Amino acid sequence: MQIDIKHVAKLARLRIEDDQLEKFEEQMQDILGMVENLPEISGSEFGVDPSCPMQLRKDEITPSLRRDEVLKNAPEVKAGCVVVPKTVEQ
């Protein structure tokens, strides 16, 4: 199977130099070869064991710090809130 590395790189928005194309094509061929050699998996062979279902933990809030402790360690506080740098410009 021939893989167009330049096309894959364009789709992934990657820049690959021309002198590296052959190396990446070989590596991609190796990856596809490994995938083709993976064994087939039947539906129940590797599924969830019904005799041992997963038990999810309850989501419980366990406050560890009081608000005043957090605010006294903040570099800047305004109106009872921590002031952080603006990350989105309007």
N, C-alpha and C. Protein backbone atom coordinates (compact mmCIF):
# COMPACT_ATOMS: atom_id res chain seq x y z
N MET A 1 0.85 -1.17 0.00
CA MET A 1 0.00 0.00 0.00
C MET A 1 0.90 1.24 0.00
N GLN A 2 0.63 2.15 -0.90
CA GLN A 2 1.39 3.39 -1.00
C GLN A 2 0.71 4.45 -0.15
N ILE A 3 1.48 5.14 0.68
CA ILE A 3 0.93 6.18 1.55
C ILE A 3 1.49 7.52 1.11
N ASP A 4 0.62 8.48 0.91
CA ASP A 4 1.04 9.82 0.52
C ASP A 4 1.32 10.61 1.80
N ILE A 5 2.57 10.60 2.22
CA ILE A 5 2.96 11.24 3.48
C ILE A 5 2.70 12.75 3.43
N LYS A 6 2.93 13.37 2.28
CA LYS A 6 2.68 14.81 2.17
C LYS A 6 1.20 15.12 2.42
N HIS A 7 0.30 14.26 1.91
CA HIS A 7 -1.13 14.47 2.11
C HIS A 7 -1.50 14.27 3.58
N VAL A 8 -0.95 13.23 4.19
CA VAL A 8 -1.22 12.98 5.61
C VAL A 8 -0.70 14.14 6.45
N ALA A 9 0.49 14.63 6.12
CA ALA A 9 1.06 15.75 6.86
C ALA A 9 0.20 17.00 6.70
N LYS A 10 -0.32 17.23 5.50
CA LYS A 10 -1.18 18.39 5.26
C LYS A 10 -2.45 18.28 6.09
N LEU A 11 -3.06 17.08 6.13
CA LEU A 11 -4.27 16.89 6.92
C LEU A 11 -4.01 17.11 8.41
N ALA A 12 -2.83 16.70 8.86
CA ALA A 12 -2.47 16.84 10.27
C ALA A 12 -1.84 18.19 10.57
N ARG A 13 -1.72 19.02 9.53
CA ARG A 13 -1.11 20.35 9.66
C ARG A 13 0.31 20.24 10.21
N LEU A 14 1.06 19.31 9.63
CA LEU A 14 2.46 19.12 9.99
C LEU A 14 3.33 19.52 8.82
N ARG A 15 4.51 20.01 9.12
CA ARG A 15 5.47 20.33 8.07
C ARG A 15 6.56 19.27 8.09
N ILE A 16 6.69 18.55 6.99
CA ILE A 16 7.71 17.51 6.88
C ILE A 16 8.63 17.89 5.73
N GLU A 17 9.91 17.94 6.03
CA GLU A 17 10.89 18.28 5.00
C GLU A 17 10.99 17.14 3.98
N ASP A 18 11.33 17.49 2.74
CA ASP A 18 11.41 16.50 1.67
C ASP A 18 12.42 15.39 1.96
N ASP A 19 13.50 15.72 2.67
CA ASP A 19 14.50 14.70 2.95
C ASP A 19 14.04 13.70 4.02
N GLN A 20 12.94 13.99 4.70
CA GLN A 20 12.42 13.10 5.73
C GLN A 20 11.23 12.26 5.25
N LEU A 21 10.75 12.51 4.05
CA LEU A 21 9.56 11.82 3.54
C LEU A 21 9.74 10.31 3.51
N GLU A 22 10.87 9.86 3.03
CA GLU A 22 11.10 8.41 2.90
C GLU A 22 11.11 7.74 4.27
N LYS A 23 11.75 8.38 5.23
CA LYS A 23 11.81 7.83 6.59
C LYS A 23 10.40 7.68 7.18
N PHE A 24 9.59 8.73 7.03
CA PHE A 24 8.24 8.68 7.58
C PHE A 24 7.36 7.68 6.84
N GLU A 25 7.57 7.53 5.55
CA GLU A 25 6.80 6.55 4.80
C GLU A 25 7.12 5.14 5.27
N GLU A 26 8.40 4.86 5.52
CA GLU A 26 8.79 3.54 6.04
C GLU A 26 8.17 3.29 7.40
N GLN A 27 8.21 4.31 8.27
CA GLN A 27 7.64 4.15 9.61
C GLN A 27 6.12 3.93 9.54
N MET A 28 5.45 4.62 8.63
CA MET A 28 4.01 4.44 8.48
C MET A 28 3.70 3.03 7.96
N GLN A 29 4.51 2.54 7.04
CA GLN A 29 4.34 1.18 6.54
C GLN A 29 4.50 0.17 7.68
N ASP A 30 5.49 0.39 8.55
CA ASP A 30 5.70 -0.49 9.70
C ASP A 30 4.49 -0.48 10.63
N ILE A 31 3.94 0.69 10.87
CA ILE A 31 2.76 0.80 11.75
C ILE A 31 1.58 0.04 11.15
N LEU A 32 1.35 0.25 9.86
CA LEU A 32 0.23 -0.45 9.21
C LEU A 32 0.45 -1.96 9.22
N GLY A 33 1.70 -2.40 9.05
CA GLY A 33 2.00 -3.83 9.12
C GLY A 33 1.69 -4.41 10.48
N MET A 34 2.02 -3.67 11.55
CA MET A 34 1.71 -4.15 12.90
C MET A 34 0.21 -4.24 13.12
N VAL A 35 -0.53 -3.24 12.62
CA VAL A 35 -1.99 -3.24 12.78
C VAL A 35 -2.60 -4.42 12.03
N GLU A 36 -2.09 -4.71 10.84
CA GLU A 36 -2.63 -5.82 10.07
C GLU A 36 -2.37 -7.16 10.76
N ASN A 37 -1.32 -7.25 11.56
CA ASN A 37 -0.98 -8.50 12.25
C ASN A 37 -1.67 -8.67 13.59
N LEU A 38 -2.47 -7.68 14.01
CA LEU A 38 -3.19 -7.82 15.28
C LEU A 38 -4.23 -8.92 15.16
N PRO A 39 -4.41 -9.71 16.22
CA PRO A 39 -5.40 -10.79 16.15
C PRO A 39 -6.82 -10.24 16.15
N GLU A 40 -7.73 -11.02 15.57
CA GLU A 40 -9.14 -10.65 15.58
C GLU A 40 -9.68 -10.87 16.99
N ILE A 41 -10.59 -10.02 17.40
CA ILE A 41 -11.18 -10.12 18.74
C ILE A 41 -12.66 -10.44 18.57
N SER A 42 -13.09 -11.53 19.20
CA SER A 42 -14.50 -11.86 19.15
C SER A 42 -15.26 -11.02 20.17
N GLY A 43 -16.56 -10.96 20.04
CA GLY A 43 -17.38 -10.09 20.86
C GLY A 43 -17.26 -10.28 22.36
N SER A 44 -17.27 -11.51 22.86
CA SER A 44 -17.31 -11.71 24.30
C SER A 44 -15.95 -12.06 24.90
N GLU A 45 -14.98 -12.33 24.07
CA GLU A 45 -13.69 -12.79 24.58
C GLU A 45 -12.99 -11.75 25.46
N PHE A 46 -13.03 -10.49 25.05
CA PHE A 46 -12.33 -9.45 25.80
C PHE A 46 -13.28 -8.40 26.35
N GLY A 47 -14.55 -8.70 26.39
CA GLY A 47 -15.53 -7.73 26.88
C GLY A 47 -15.55 -7.65 28.40
N VAL A 48 -16.52 -6.93 28.91
CA VAL A 48 -16.68 -6.79 30.36
C VAL A 48 -17.23 -8.09 30.92
N ASP A 49 -16.66 -8.53 32.01
CA ASP A 49 -17.10 -9.76 32.66
C ASP A 49 -18.37 -9.46 33.46
N PRO A 50 -19.51 -10.03 33.10
CA PRO A 50 -20.76 -9.72 33.81
C PRO A 50 -20.74 -10.17 35.27
N SER A 51 -19.91 -11.12 35.62
CA SER A 51 -19.85 -11.56 37.01
C SER A 51 -19.01 -10.61 37.88
N CYS A 52 -18.31 -9.69 37.24
CA CYS A 52 -17.46 -8.74 37.99
C CYS A 52 -17.63 -7.34 37.39
N PRO A 53 -18.81 -6.73 37.56
CA PRO A 53 -19.03 -5.41 36.97
C PRO A 53 -18.20 -4.34 37.68
N MET A 54 -17.96 -3.26 36.97
CA MET A 54 -17.20 -2.15 37.55
C MET A 54 -18.07 -1.42 38.58
N GLN A 55 -17.47 -1.06 39.66
CA GLN A 55 -18.15 -0.27 40.67
C GLN A 55 -17.56 1.13 40.64
N LEU A 56 -18.37 2.11 40.27
CA LEU A 56 -17.90 3.49 40.22
C LEU A 56 -18.01 4.12 41.59
N ARG A 57 -17.06 4.97 41.88
CA ARG A 57 -17.11 5.65 43.18
C ARG A 57 -18.13 6.77 43.12
N LYS A 58 -18.66 7.14 44.29
CA LYS A 58 -19.58 8.27 44.37
C LYS A 58 -18.76 9.56 44.28
N ASP A 59 -19.30 10.53 43.57
CA ASP A 59 -18.66 11.84 43.52
C ASP A 59 -19.06 12.62 44.76
N GLU A 60 -18.12 12.78 45.65
CA GLU A 60 -18.39 13.49 46.89
C GLU A 60 -17.42 14.64 47.02
N ILE A 61 -17.93 15.80 47.37
CA ILE A 61 -17.08 16.96 47.57
C ILE A 61 -16.52 16.91 48.98
N THR A 62 -15.22 16.97 49.06
CA THR A 62 -14.56 16.98 50.37
C THR A 62 -13.69 18.24 50.43
N PRO A 63 -14.25 19.32 50.96
CA PRO A 63 -13.48 20.56 51.01
C PRO A 63 -12.25 20.40 51.90
N SER A 64 -11.12 20.83 51.37
CA SER A 64 -9.89 20.68 52.14
C SER A 64 -9.37 22.02 52.63
N LEU A 65 -9.70 23.10 51.94
CA LEU A 65 -9.25 24.43 52.35
C LEU A 65 -10.44 25.35 52.51
N ARG A 66 -10.33 26.24 53.49
CA ARG A 66 -11.37 27.24 53.66
C ARG A 66 -11.10 28.40 52.71
N ARG A 67 -12.17 29.11 52.37
CA ARG A 67 -12.06 30.21 51.42
C ARG A 67 -11.03 31.25 51.87
N ASP A 68 -11.05 31.61 53.13
CA ASP A 68 -10.12 32.64 53.62
C ASP A 68 -8.66 32.18 53.53
N GLU A 69 -8.42 30.87 53.67
CA GLU A 69 -7.05 30.35 53.53
C GLU A 69 -6.57 30.48 52.09
N VAL A 70 -7.46 30.18 51.15
CA VAL A 70 -7.10 30.28 49.74
C VAL A 70 -6.85 31.74 49.37
N LEU A 71 -7.74 32.63 49.79
CA LEU A 71 -7.62 34.04 49.43
C LEU A 71 -6.39 34.69 50.05
N LYS A 72 -5.97 34.28 51.22
CA LYS A 72 -4.79 34.91 51.83
C LYS A 72 -3.50 34.50 51.10
N ASN A 73 -3.52 33.40 50.37
CA ASN A 73 -2.34 32.98 49.61
C ASN A 73 -2.35 33.50 48.18
N ALA A 74 -3.45 34.10 47.73
CA ALA A 74 -3.54 34.61 46.36
C ALA A 74 -2.74 35.90 46.23
N PRO A 75 -2.08 36.10 45.09
CA PRO A 75 -1.30 37.33 44.92
C PRO A 75 -2.17 38.58 44.82
N GLU A 76 -3.42 38.44 44.30
CA GLU A 76 -4.32 39.58 44.21
C GLU A 76 -5.75 39.12 44.40
N VAL A 77 -6.49 39.83 45.25
CA VAL A 77 -7.88 39.49 45.54
C VAL A 77 -8.73 40.73 45.32
N LYS A 78 -9.90 40.56 44.68
CA LYS A 78 -10.81 41.67 44.46
C LYS A 78 -12.23 41.16 44.66
N ALA A 79 -12.99 41.80 45.54
CA ALA A 79 -14.38 41.45 45.84
C ALA A 79 -14.51 39.99 46.27
N GLY A 80 -13.55 39.50 47.03
CA GLY A 80 -13.61 38.14 47.54
C GLY A 80 -13.25 37.06 46.53
N CYS A 81 -12.65 37.46 45.40
CA CYS A 81 -12.27 36.50 44.36
C CYS A 81 -10.79 36.66 44.01
N VAL A 82 -10.19 35.58 43.54
CA VAL A 82 -8.80 35.62 43.10
C VAL A 82 -8.76 36.29 41.73
N VAL A 83 -7.87 37.26 41.56
CA VAL A 83 -7.71 37.94 40.28
C VAL A 83 -6.65 37.22 39.49
N VAL A 84 -6.99 36.85 38.24
CA VAL A 84 -6.05 36.16 37.36
C VAL A 84 -5.87 36.96 36.07
N PRO A 85 -4.77 36.73 35.34
CA PRO A 85 -4.57 37.47 34.09
C PRO A 85 -5.65 37.14 33.06
N LYS A 86 -6.00 38.15 32.26
CA LYS A 86 -6.99 37.97 31.21
C LYS A 86 -6.41 37.03 30.15
N THR A 87 -7.19 36.04 29.72
CA THR A 87 -6.71 35.09 28.73
C THR A 87 -7.41 35.24 27.38
N VAL A 88 -8.54 35.92 27.36
CA VAL A 88 -9.29 36.10 26.11
C VAL A 88 -9.53 37.58 25.92
N GLU A 89 -9.14 38.09 24.77
CA GLU A 89 -9.37 39.50 24.45
C GLU A 89 -10.69 39.63 23.73
N GLN A 90 -11.39 40.74 23.94
CA GLN A 90 -12.66 40.97 23.24
C GLN A 90 -12.48 41.77 21.99
